[in-house]
């Protein structure tokens, strides 16, 4: 389970991350990553920075309600292991594709890590 402060809840956060974030496509996942800029009034202190947040999008095309919940549990578990690698003020949205219902947690974790590495490689090349 993801800790409460790391869960993305607001629809606007999901929408902004998907619309303005960088995207990486994997066989069973689409990963969107967006680094929000701290507001001018906030301090750059790590203790007061917004913690990274993770959101999941699991459409009905993935399968039945039971299958979608199974995929969500596996993705939350995998995302929890990545929290230490994410920067403060970073937003991550994971969209499950239909193939994710048959994928193992290890496969999903490897795809998530590969997608994040791809995003960071392209972000470093652009900046």
N, C-alpha and C. Protein backbone atom coordinates (compact mmCIF):
# COMPACT_ATOMS: atom_id res chain seq x y z
N UNK A 1 0.84 -1.18 0.00
CA UNK A 1 0.00 0.00 0.00
C UNK A 1 0.88 1.24 0.00
N UNK A 2 0.49 2.22 -0.76
CA UNK A 2 1.21 3.49 -0.78
C UNK A 2 0.82 4.33 0.44
N UNK A 3 1.80 4.96 1.08
CA UNK A 3 1.46 5.86 2.18
C UNK A 3 0.57 7.00 1.67
N UNK A 4 -0.28 7.51 2.53
CA UNK A 4 -1.29 8.50 2.14
C UNK A 4 -0.67 9.73 1.48
N UNK A 5 0.46 10.22 1.98
CA UNK A 5 1.04 11.44 1.41
C UNK A 5 1.60 11.22 0.00
N UNK A 6 1.73 9.97 -0.42
CA UNK A 6 2.27 9.67 -1.75
C UNK A 6 1.19 9.28 -2.76
N UNK A 7 -0.07 9.31 -2.36
CA UNK A 7 -1.16 8.96 -3.26
C UNK A 7 -1.67 10.19 -3.99
N UNK A 8 -1.80 10.08 -5.28
CA UNK A 8 -2.37 11.16 -6.07
C UNK A 8 -3.89 10.97 -6.04
N UNK A 9 -4.61 12.02 -5.68
CA UNK A 9 -6.06 11.91 -5.53
C UNK A 9 -6.84 12.85 -6.45
N UNK A 10 -6.30 14.02 -6.68
CA UNK A 10 -7.06 15.03 -7.43
C UNK A 10 -7.03 14.77 -8.93
N UNK A 11 -8.18 14.89 -9.54
CA UNK A 11 -8.30 14.71 -10.98
C UNK A 11 -7.41 15.69 -11.74
N UNK A 12 -7.29 16.90 -11.23
CA UNK A 12 -6.45 17.91 -11.89
C UNK A 12 -4.99 17.49 -11.91
N UNK A 13 -4.53 16.83 -10.84
CA UNK A 13 -3.14 16.35 -10.80
C UNK A 13 -2.92 15.26 -11.84
N UNK A 14 -3.88 14.33 -11.95
CA UNK A 14 -3.79 13.28 -12.96
C UNK A 14 -3.75 13.91 -14.35
N UNK A 15 -4.68 14.83 -14.61
CA UNK A 15 -4.78 15.45 -15.92
C UNK A 15 -3.52 16.22 -16.30
N UNK A 16 -2.98 16.99 -15.37
CA UNK A 16 -1.78 17.77 -15.66
C UNK A 16 -0.58 16.86 -15.91
N UNK A 17 -0.47 15.79 -15.14
CA UNK A 17 0.65 14.88 -15.32
C UNK A 17 0.58 14.18 -16.67
N UNK A 18 -0.61 13.74 -17.05
CA UNK A 18 -0.77 13.06 -18.33
C UNK A 18 -0.57 14.04 -19.48
N UNK A 19 -1.11 15.25 -19.35
CA UNK A 19 -1.05 16.21 -20.44
C UNK A 19 0.33 16.84 -20.61
N UNK A 20 0.97 17.21 -19.50
CA UNK A 20 2.22 17.96 -19.57
C UNK A 20 3.47 17.15 -19.21
N UNK A 21 3.28 15.95 -18.72
CA UNK A 21 4.41 15.14 -18.30
C UNK A 21 5.07 14.42 -19.46
N UNK A 22 6.24 13.86 -19.18
CA UNK A 22 6.95 13.04 -20.17
C UNK A 22 6.38 11.63 -20.11
N UNK A 23 6.37 10.96 -21.26
CA UNK A 23 5.72 9.66 -21.37
C UNK A 23 6.70 8.60 -21.85
N UNK A 24 6.56 7.42 -21.28
CA UNK A 24 7.31 6.25 -21.74
C UNK A 24 6.31 5.10 -21.89
N UNK A 25 6.39 4.41 -23.00
CA UNK A 25 5.48 3.30 -23.27
C UNK A 25 6.25 2.00 -23.12
N UNK A 26 5.68 1.10 -22.36
CA UNK A 26 6.22 -0.24 -22.16
C UNK A 26 5.15 -1.22 -22.63
N UNK A 27 5.49 -2.51 -22.75
CA UNK A 27 4.49 -3.47 -23.26
C UNK A 27 3.19 -3.52 -22.45
N UNK A 28 3.27 -3.38 -21.14
CA UNK A 28 2.08 -3.50 -20.30
C UNK A 28 1.71 -2.22 -19.57
N UNK A 29 2.51 -1.16 -19.71
CA UNK A 29 2.29 0.08 -18.97
C UNK A 29 2.60 1.29 -19.83
N UNK A 30 1.98 2.40 -19.49
CA UNK A 30 2.38 3.71 -19.99
C UNK A 30 2.68 4.53 -18.75
N UNK A 31 3.86 5.12 -18.70
CA UNK A 31 4.30 5.87 -17.53
C UNK A 31 4.39 7.34 -17.90
N UNK A 32 3.76 8.17 -17.09
CA UNK A 32 3.82 9.62 -17.25
C UNK A 32 4.54 10.18 -16.03
N UNK A 33 5.51 11.04 -16.26
CA UNK A 33 6.28 11.61 -15.16
C UNK A 33 6.35 13.11 -15.35
N UNK A 34 6.04 13.82 -14.29
CA UNK A 34 6.06 15.29 -14.35
C UNK A 34 6.69 15.83 -13.08
N UNK A 35 7.60 16.70 -13.24
CA UNK A 35 8.24 17.37 -12.11
C UNK A 35 7.60 18.74 -11.97
N UNK A 36 6.89 18.96 -10.86
CA UNK A 36 6.26 20.27 -10.65
C UNK A 36 7.29 21.21 -10.06
N UNK A 37 7.20 22.42 -10.45
CA UNK A 37 8.10 23.44 -9.92
C UNK A 37 7.58 23.92 -8.58
N UNK A 38 8.46 24.02 -7.57
CA UNK A 38 8.01 24.55 -6.29
C UNK A 38 7.54 26.00 -6.46
N UNK A 39 6.53 26.37 -5.70
CA UNK A 39 6.04 27.74 -5.80
C UNK A 39 7.07 28.70 -5.22
N UNK A 40 6.98 29.92 -5.61
CA UNK A 40 7.96 30.92 -5.17
C UNK A 40 7.90 31.16 -3.67
N UNK A 41 6.73 30.95 -3.07
CA UNK A 41 6.60 31.19 -1.65
C UNK A 41 7.14 30.03 -0.82
N UNK A 42 7.27 28.86 -1.45
CA UNK A 42 7.76 27.71 -0.68
C UNK A 42 9.28 27.75 -0.59
N UNK A 43 9.78 27.15 0.45
CA UNK A 43 11.22 27.10 0.64
C UNK A 43 11.78 25.86 -0.03
N UNK A 44 13.02 25.89 -0.46
CA UNK A 44 13.60 24.72 -1.11
C UNK A 44 13.98 23.62 -0.12
N UNK A 45 13.63 23.79 1.13
CA UNK A 45 13.96 22.81 2.16
C UNK A 45 13.24 21.49 1.85
N UNK A 46 13.98 20.38 1.92
CA UNK A 46 13.42 19.08 1.60
C UNK A 46 12.31 18.68 2.58
N UNK A 47 12.38 19.17 3.79
CA UNK A 47 11.37 18.81 4.79
C UNK A 47 10.01 19.42 4.46
N UNK A 48 9.99 20.58 3.80
CA UNK A 48 8.73 21.23 3.49
C UNK A 48 8.29 20.99 2.05
N UNK A 49 9.12 20.34 1.25
CA UNK A 49 8.75 20.07 -0.14
C UNK A 49 7.62 19.04 -0.18
N UNK A 50 6.81 19.13 -1.22
CA UNK A 50 5.74 18.17 -1.40
C UNK A 50 6.35 16.81 -1.73
N UNK A 51 5.94 15.76 -1.06
CA UNK A 51 6.52 14.44 -1.37
C UNK A 51 6.09 13.97 -2.75
N UNK A 52 6.84 13.08 -3.36
CA UNK A 52 6.42 12.56 -4.66
C UNK A 52 5.07 11.85 -4.54
N UNK A 53 4.29 11.94 -5.61
CA UNK A 53 2.97 11.30 -5.60
C UNK A 53 2.83 10.38 -6.80
N UNK A 54 2.11 9.29 -6.58
CA UNK A 54 1.89 8.27 -7.61
C UNK A 54 0.39 8.06 -7.78
N UNK A 55 -0.03 8.00 -9.02
CA UNK A 55 -1.43 7.72 -9.32
C UNK A 55 -1.53 6.57 -10.32
N UNK A 56 -2.62 5.84 -10.26
CA UNK A 56 -2.84 4.70 -11.15
C UNK A 56 -4.08 4.93 -11.99
N UNK A 57 -3.99 4.54 -13.25
CA UNK A 57 -5.14 4.54 -14.15
C UNK A 57 -5.29 3.12 -14.66
N UNK A 58 -6.39 2.50 -14.29
CA UNK A 58 -6.63 1.12 -14.71
C UNK A 58 -8.03 1.06 -15.32
N UNK A 59 -8.08 1.05 -16.63
CA UNK A 59 -9.35 1.11 -17.37
C UNK A 59 -10.03 -0.25 -17.40
N UNK A 60 -11.27 -0.24 -17.79
CA UNK A 60 -12.05 -1.48 -17.88
C UNK A 60 -11.50 -2.42 -18.94
N UNK A 61 -10.70 -1.91 -19.87
CA UNK A 61 -10.12 -2.77 -20.89
C UNK A 61 -9.12 -3.77 -20.29
N UNK A 62 -8.64 -3.50 -19.08
CA UNK A 62 -7.71 -4.42 -18.41
C UNK A 62 -8.41 -5.71 -18.05
N UNK A 63 -9.67 -5.65 -17.68
CA UNK A 63 -10.41 -6.86 -17.35
C UNK A 63 -11.54 -6.58 -16.40
N UNK A 64 -11.98 -7.63 -15.73
CA UNK A 64 -13.08 -7.50 -14.77
C UNK A 64 -12.63 -6.70 -13.56
N UNK A 65 -13.57 -6.38 -12.70
CA UNK A 65 -13.24 -5.61 -11.50
C UNK A 65 -12.20 -6.33 -10.64
N UNK A 66 -12.33 -7.62 -10.53
CA UNK A 66 -11.38 -8.40 -9.73
C UNK A 66 -9.98 -8.31 -10.35
N UNK A 67 -9.89 -8.45 -11.67
CA UNK A 67 -8.59 -8.37 -12.35
C UNK A 67 -7.99 -6.97 -12.23
N UNK A 68 -8.83 -5.95 -12.35
CA UNK A 68 -8.33 -4.57 -12.22
C UNK A 68 -7.79 -4.33 -10.82
N UNK A 69 -8.47 -4.82 -9.81
CA UNK A 69 -8.00 -4.63 -8.43
C UNK A 69 -6.70 -5.39 -8.20
N UNK A 70 -6.56 -6.56 -8.78
CA UNK A 70 -5.31 -7.31 -8.66
C UNK A 70 -4.15 -6.55 -9.29
N UNK A 71 -4.38 -5.99 -10.47
CA UNK A 71 -3.35 -5.19 -11.14
C UNK A 71 -3.02 -3.96 -10.30
N UNK A 72 -4.03 -3.30 -9.76
CA UNK A 72 -3.80 -2.11 -8.93
C UNK A 72 -2.96 -2.44 -7.71
N UNK A 73 -3.25 -3.54 -7.05
CA UNK A 73 -2.47 -3.94 -5.87
C UNK A 73 -1.02 -4.20 -6.24
N UNK A 74 -0.80 -4.90 -7.36
CA UNK A 74 0.58 -5.17 -7.78
C UNK A 74 1.31 -3.87 -8.13
N UNK A 75 0.64 -2.96 -8.83
CA UNK A 75 1.29 -1.71 -9.20
C UNK A 75 1.57 -0.83 -7.99
N UNK A 76 0.66 -0.79 -7.02
CA UNK A 76 0.92 -0.01 -5.80
C UNK A 76 2.13 -0.56 -5.06
N UNK A 77 2.23 -1.88 -4.99
CA UNK A 77 3.36 -2.50 -4.31
C UNK A 77 4.68 -2.15 -5.02
N UNK A 78 4.68 -2.23 -6.35
CA UNK A 78 5.88 -1.92 -7.12
C UNK A 78 6.22 -0.43 -6.98
N UNK A 79 5.21 0.43 -7.06
CA UNK A 79 5.44 1.88 -6.95
C UNK A 79 6.00 2.24 -5.58
N UNK A 80 5.56 1.54 -4.56
CA UNK A 80 6.05 1.81 -3.20
C UNK A 80 7.56 1.62 -3.10
N UNK A 81 8.09 0.64 -3.83
CA UNK A 81 9.54 0.40 -3.80
C UNK A 81 10.31 1.50 -4.53
N UNK A 82 9.64 2.27 -5.38
CA UNK A 82 10.30 3.33 -6.14
C UNK A 82 10.28 4.69 -5.46
N UNK A 83 9.54 4.85 -4.40
CA UNK A 83 9.37 6.17 -3.78
C UNK A 83 10.69 6.82 -3.40
N UNK A 84 11.64 6.04 -2.94
CA UNK A 84 12.93 6.60 -2.53
C UNK A 84 13.71 7.17 -3.72
N UNK A 85 13.43 6.67 -4.92
CA UNK A 85 14.14 7.12 -6.13
C UNK A 85 13.50 8.37 -6.75
N UNK A 86 12.29 8.70 -6.35
CA UNK A 86 11.60 9.85 -6.92
C UNK A 86 12.00 11.13 -6.19
N UNK A 87 12.01 12.22 -6.93
CA UNK A 87 12.37 13.52 -6.38
C UNK A 87 11.15 14.15 -5.69
N UNK A 88 11.39 15.02 -4.71
CA UNK A 88 10.26 15.77 -4.16
C UNK A 88 9.59 16.57 -5.29
N UNK A 89 8.31 16.77 -5.18
CA UNK A 89 7.52 17.49 -6.19
C UNK A 89 7.41 16.74 -7.51
N UNK A 90 7.75 15.45 -7.55
CA UNK A 90 7.60 14.66 -8.76
C UNK A 90 6.26 13.95 -8.74
N UNK A 91 5.60 13.90 -9.89
CA UNK A 91 4.30 13.24 -10.03
C UNK A 91 4.46 12.12 -11.04
N UNK A 92 3.94 10.95 -10.70
CA UNK A 92 4.05 9.78 -11.56
C UNK A 92 2.67 9.17 -11.72
N UNK A 93 2.24 8.98 -12.98
CA UNK A 93 0.98 8.32 -13.26
C UNK A 93 1.30 7.07 -14.06
N UNK A 94 0.76 5.95 -13.61
CA UNK A 94 0.98 4.67 -14.27
C UNK A 94 -0.35 4.22 -14.86
N UNK A 95 -0.38 4.06 -16.18
CA UNK A 95 -1.58 3.59 -16.87
C UNK A 95 -1.36 2.12 -17.23
N UNK A 96 -2.23 1.27 -16.73
CA UNK A 96 -2.13 -0.17 -17.01
C UNK A 96 -2.78 -0.47 -18.35
N UNK A 97 -2.08 -1.23 -19.16
CA UNK A 97 -2.62 -1.68 -20.44
C UNK A 97 -3.19 -3.10 -20.26
N UNK A 98 -4.01 -3.57 -21.19
CA UNK A 98 -4.66 -4.87 -21.01
C UNK A 98 -3.70 -6.03 -20.71
N UNK A 99 -2.50 -6.01 -21.23
CA UNK A 99 -1.54 -7.08 -20.97
C UNK A 99 -1.06 -7.14 -19.54
N UNK A 100 -1.27 -6.07 -18.78
CA UNK A 100 -0.79 -6.04 -17.39
C UNK A 100 -1.52 -7.03 -16.50
N UNK A 101 -2.70 -7.46 -16.90
CA UNK A 101 -3.46 -8.40 -16.08
C UNK A 101 -2.75 -9.74 -15.98
N UNK A 102 -1.98 -10.12 -17.01
CA UNK A 102 -1.27 -11.40 -17.02
C UNK A 102 0.20 -11.26 -16.62
N UNK A 103 0.67 -10.04 -16.42
CA UNK A 103 2.08 -9.82 -16.08
C UNK A 103 2.32 -10.03 -14.59
N UNK A 104 3.50 -10.50 -14.26
CA UNK A 104 3.87 -10.68 -12.85
C UNK A 104 4.30 -9.35 -12.25
N UNK A 105 4.38 -9.32 -10.94
CA UNK A 105 4.84 -8.10 -10.26
C UNK A 105 6.26 -7.76 -10.67
N UNK A 106 7.10 -8.78 -10.83
CA UNK A 106 8.48 -8.55 -11.24
C UNK A 106 8.55 -7.93 -12.63
N UNK A 107 7.71 -8.41 -13.53
CA UNK A 107 7.66 -7.86 -14.88
C UNK A 107 7.19 -6.41 -14.85
N UNK A 108 6.13 -6.14 -14.10
CA UNK A 108 5.63 -4.78 -13.99
C UNK A 108 6.68 -3.86 -13.38
N UNK A 109 7.38 -4.34 -12.37
CA UNK A 109 8.44 -3.54 -11.74
C UNK A 109 9.56 -3.23 -12.71
N UNK A 110 9.97 -4.22 -13.48
CA UNK A 110 11.04 -4.01 -14.46
C UNK A 110 10.60 -3.02 -15.54
N UNK A 111 9.35 -3.13 -15.99
CA UNK A 111 8.85 -2.19 -17.00
C UNK A 111 8.75 -0.78 -16.44
N UNK A 112 8.33 -0.66 -15.19
CA UNK A 112 8.22 0.66 -14.58
C UNK A 112 9.59 1.30 -14.45
N UNK A 113 10.58 0.55 -14.00
CA UNK A 113 11.94 1.08 -13.88
C UNK A 113 12.52 1.45 -15.24
N UNK A 114 12.29 0.60 -16.24
CA UNK A 114 12.79 0.89 -17.59
C UNK A 114 12.14 2.15 -18.15
N UNK A 115 10.84 2.31 -17.92
CA UNK A 115 10.15 3.51 -18.39
C UNK A 115 10.67 4.77 -17.72
N UNK A 116 10.90 4.71 -16.41
CA UNK A 116 11.44 5.87 -15.71
C UNK A 116 12.84 6.21 -16.19
N UNK A 117 13.67 5.20 -16.43
CA UNK A 117 15.01 5.45 -16.95
C UNK A 117 14.95 6.10 -18.32
N UNK A 118 14.04 5.64 -19.15
CA UNK A 118 13.88 6.23 -20.47
C UNK A 118 13.45 7.69 -20.39
N UNK A 119 12.51 7.98 -19.50
CA UNK A 119 12.06 9.35 -19.32
C UNK A 119 13.20 10.24 -18.84
N UNK A 120 13.96 9.76 -17.90
CA UNK A 120 15.05 10.57 -17.35
C UNK A 120 16.18 10.77 -18.35
N UNK A 121 16.40 9.76 -19.19
CA UNK A 121 17.42 9.91 -20.25
C UNK A 121 17.02 11.00 -21.22
N UNK A 122 15.77 10.97 -21.68
CA UNK A 122 15.31 11.97 -22.65
C UNK A 122 15.20 13.34 -22.00
N UNK A 123 14.83 13.40 -20.72
CA UNK A 123 14.73 14.69 -20.03
C UNK A 123 16.12 15.30 -19.89
N UNK A 124 17.13 14.50 -19.63
CA UNK A 124 18.50 14.99 -19.51
C UNK A 124 19.04 15.48 -20.84
N UNK A 125 18.64 14.84 -21.94
CA UNK A 125 19.10 15.24 -23.26
C UNK A 125 18.47 16.54 -23.71
N UNK A 126 17.23 16.81 -23.27
CA UNK A 126 16.51 18.01 -23.68
C UNK A 126 17.00 19.24 -22.92
N UNK A 127 17.30 19.05 -21.64
CA UNK A 127 17.69 20.20 -20.82
C UNK A 127 19.03 20.69 -21.10
